[in-house]
Amino acid sequence: MAASVREKQTVALKRMLNFNAPPLKNTAAEPVWKVLIYDRFGQDIISPLLSVKELRDMGITLHL
């Protein structure tokens, strides 16, 4: 079954927010800092695809 446009957008957004790499389980590696300025323009794009909880679960710190 083909993926919908929304699924493709979600996958692309997650890949972008993860620096174009597959998600890694942080063990003893150096921490990676991700800060997302979640302004109105970003909200319009991201909020239909990912919730704030999902972003935080990905290790992204949000400035709301």
N, C-alpha and C. Protein backbone atom coordinates (compact mmCIF):
# COMPACT_ATOMS: atom_id res chain seq x y z
N MET A 1 0.85 -1.18 0.00
CA MET A 1 0.00 0.00 0.00
C MET A 1 0.90 1.24 0.00
N ALA A 2 0.56 2.20 -0.81
CA ALA A 2 1.33 3.44 -0.90
C ALA A 2 1.09 4.31 0.32
N ALA A 3 2.14 5.01 0.72
CA ALA A 3 2.03 5.91 1.86
C ALA A 3 1.30 7.18 1.44
N SER A 4 0.52 7.72 2.36
CA SER A 4 -0.20 8.96 2.06
C SER A 4 0.76 10.14 2.10
N VAL A 5 0.30 11.26 1.60
CA VAL A 5 1.11 12.47 1.61
C VAL A 5 1.45 12.85 3.05
N ARG A 6 0.48 12.74 3.95
CA ARG A 6 0.71 13.10 5.35
C ARG A 6 1.78 12.20 5.98
N GLU A 7 1.74 10.89 5.69
CA GLU A 7 2.75 9.97 6.22
C GLU A 7 4.13 10.32 5.69
N LYS A 8 4.21 10.65 4.41
CA LYS A 8 5.49 11.04 3.81
C LYS A 8 6.01 12.33 4.43
N GLN A 9 5.12 13.29 4.68
CA GLN A 9 5.54 14.54 5.31
C GLN A 9 6.05 14.29 6.73
N THR A 10 5.36 13.42 7.47
CA THR A 10 5.77 13.11 8.84
C THR A 10 7.14 12.44 8.85
N VAL A 11 7.35 11.49 7.96
CA VAL A 11 8.65 10.81 7.88
C VAL A 11 9.75 11.81 7.51
N ALA A 12 9.48 12.68 6.56
CA ALA A 12 10.47 13.68 6.14
C ALA A 12 10.79 14.65 7.27
N LEU A 13 9.78 15.07 8.01
CA LEU A 13 9.99 15.99 9.12
C LEU A 13 10.82 15.33 10.23
N LYS A 14 10.49 14.09 10.57
CA LYS A 14 11.26 13.38 11.60
C LYS A 14 12.71 13.19 11.17
N ARG A 15 12.93 12.87 9.90
CA ARG A 15 14.29 12.71 9.39
C ARG A 15 15.05 14.03 9.48
N MET A 16 14.40 15.14 9.11
CA MET A 16 15.04 16.44 9.18
C MET A 16 15.41 16.80 10.61
N LEU A 17 14.48 16.56 11.54
CA LEU A 17 14.73 16.90 12.94
C LEU A 17 15.76 15.98 13.58
N ASN A 18 16.04 14.85 12.97
CA ASN A 18 17.04 13.92 13.49
C ASN A 18 18.34 14.04 12.70
N PHE A 19 18.57 15.17 12.07
CA PHE A 19 19.79 15.45 11.31
C PHE A 19 20.01 14.43 10.20
N ASN A 20 18.94 14.01 9.54
CA ASN A 20 18.98 13.11 8.39
C ASN A 20 19.62 11.76 8.72
N ALA A 21 19.46 11.32 9.97
CA ALA A 21 20.02 10.04 10.41
C ALA A 21 18.93 9.23 11.09
N PRO A 22 19.07 7.90 11.11
CA PRO A 22 18.08 7.09 11.83
C PRO A 22 18.15 7.36 13.32
N PRO A 23 17.05 7.21 14.04
CA PRO A 23 17.06 7.45 15.48
C PRO A 23 18.00 6.48 16.18
N LEU A 24 18.79 7.01 17.10
CA LEU A 24 19.74 6.21 17.85
C LEU A 24 19.37 6.20 19.31
N LYS A 25 19.66 5.10 19.95
CA LYS A 25 19.50 5.03 21.40
C LYS A 25 20.77 5.60 22.02
N ASN A 26 20.65 6.72 22.71
CA ASN A 26 21.82 7.34 23.32
C ASN A 26 22.32 6.48 24.47
N THR A 27 23.53 6.00 24.33
CA THR A 27 24.13 5.19 25.39
C THR A 27 25.16 6.05 26.09
N ALA A 28 26.41 5.83 25.81
CA ALA A 28 27.47 6.62 26.43
C ALA A 28 27.97 7.69 25.47
N ALA A 29 27.28 7.88 24.38
CA ALA A 29 27.69 8.86 23.38
C ALA A 29 27.48 10.28 23.90
N GLU A 30 28.17 11.19 23.27
CA GLU A 30 28.03 12.60 23.61
C GLU A 30 26.61 13.05 23.28
N PRO A 31 25.98 13.83 24.16
CA PRO A 31 24.60 14.25 23.90
C PRO A 31 24.50 15.16 22.68
N VAL A 32 23.38 15.06 22.00
CA VAL A 32 23.11 15.90 20.84
C VAL A 32 22.02 16.88 21.24
N TRP A 33 22.28 18.16 21.03
CA TRP A 33 21.32 19.19 21.41
C TRP A 33 20.48 19.55 20.20
N LYS A 34 19.18 19.58 20.40
CA LYS A 34 18.24 19.98 19.35
C LYS A 34 17.31 21.02 19.95
N VAL A 35 17.34 22.21 19.39
CA VAL A 35 16.46 23.28 19.86
C VAL A 35 15.60 23.71 18.67
N LEU A 36 14.32 23.72 18.90
CA LEU A 36 13.38 24.10 17.85
C LEU A 36 12.63 25.34 18.30
N ILE A 37 12.76 26.42 17.56
CA ILE A 37 11.99 27.63 17.83
C ILE A 37 10.61 27.40 17.20
N TYR A 38 9.63 27.21 18.04
CA TYR A 38 8.29 26.80 17.60
C TYR A 38 7.41 28.03 17.48
N ASP A 39 7.68 28.85 16.46
CA ASP A 39 6.91 30.08 16.26
C ASP A 39 5.64 29.78 15.47
N ARG A 40 4.89 30.80 15.14
CA ARG A 40 3.61 30.62 14.44
C ARG A 40 3.78 29.91 13.09
N PHE A 41 4.81 30.30 12.35
CA PHE A 41 5.03 29.68 11.04
C PHE A 41 5.38 28.21 11.21
N GLY A 42 6.23 27.90 12.17
CA GLY A 42 6.59 26.51 12.44
C GLY A 42 5.40 25.70 12.92
N GLN A 43 4.58 26.31 13.75
CA GLN A 43 3.37 25.63 14.25
C GLN A 43 2.45 25.25 13.09
N ASP A 44 2.28 26.15 12.15
CA ASP A 44 1.40 25.88 11.01
C ASP A 44 1.87 24.66 10.22
N ILE A 45 3.17 24.45 10.15
CA ILE A 45 3.72 23.33 9.39
C ILE A 45 3.80 22.06 10.22
N ILE A 46 4.28 22.17 11.45
CA ILE A 46 4.59 20.99 12.26
C ILE A 46 3.40 20.44 13.03
N SER A 47 2.55 21.30 13.57
CA SER A 47 1.48 20.82 14.46
C SER A 47 0.51 19.83 13.82
N PRO A 48 0.20 19.92 12.52
CA PRO A 48 -0.68 18.88 11.96
C PRO A 48 0.02 17.51 11.85
N LEU A 49 1.35 17.50 11.92
CA LEU A 49 2.10 16.27 11.72
C LEU A 49 2.59 15.63 13.01
N LEU A 50 3.08 16.45 13.95
CA LEU A 50 3.65 15.93 15.20
C LEU A 50 3.14 16.74 16.38
N SER A 51 2.87 16.05 17.47
CA SER A 51 2.48 16.75 18.70
C SER A 51 3.73 17.20 19.45
N VAL A 52 3.55 18.10 20.41
CA VAL A 52 4.67 18.56 21.23
C VAL A 52 5.27 17.38 21.98
N LYS A 53 4.44 16.46 22.46
CA LYS A 53 4.94 15.28 23.16
C LYS A 53 5.83 14.43 22.25
N GLU A 54 5.43 14.25 21.01
CA GLU A 54 6.24 13.49 20.06
C GLU A 54 7.58 14.17 19.82
N LEU A 55 7.57 15.50 19.72
CA LEU A 55 8.81 16.24 19.53
C LEU A 55 9.73 16.05 20.74
N ARG A 56 9.18 16.17 21.93
CA ARG A 56 9.99 15.99 23.14
C ARG A 56 10.51 14.57 23.24
N ASP A 57 9.70 13.59 22.84
CA ASP A 57 10.15 12.19 22.84
C ASP A 57 11.32 11.98 21.89
N MET A 58 11.42 12.82 20.86
CA MET A 58 12.53 12.74 19.91
C MET A 58 13.77 13.45 20.45
N GLY A 59 13.67 14.04 21.64
CA GLY A 59 14.82 14.71 22.24
C GLY A 59 14.94 16.16 21.83
N ILE A 60 13.86 16.75 21.38
CA ILE A 60 13.89 18.14 20.92
C ILE A 60 13.38 19.05 22.03
N THR A 61 14.16 20.06 22.35
CA THR A 61 13.75 21.06 23.33
C THR A 61 13.05 22.18 22.57
N LEU A 62 11.87 22.52 23.02
CA LEU A 62 11.08 23.53 22.33
C LEU A 62 11.07 24.83 23.11
N HIS A 63 11.20 25.93 22.40
CA HIS A 63 11.00 27.26 22.99
C HIS A 63 9.64 27.72 22.50
N LEU A 64 8.64 27.68 23.37
CA LEU A 64 7.27 28.03 22.97
C LEU A 64 6.99 29.49 23.19
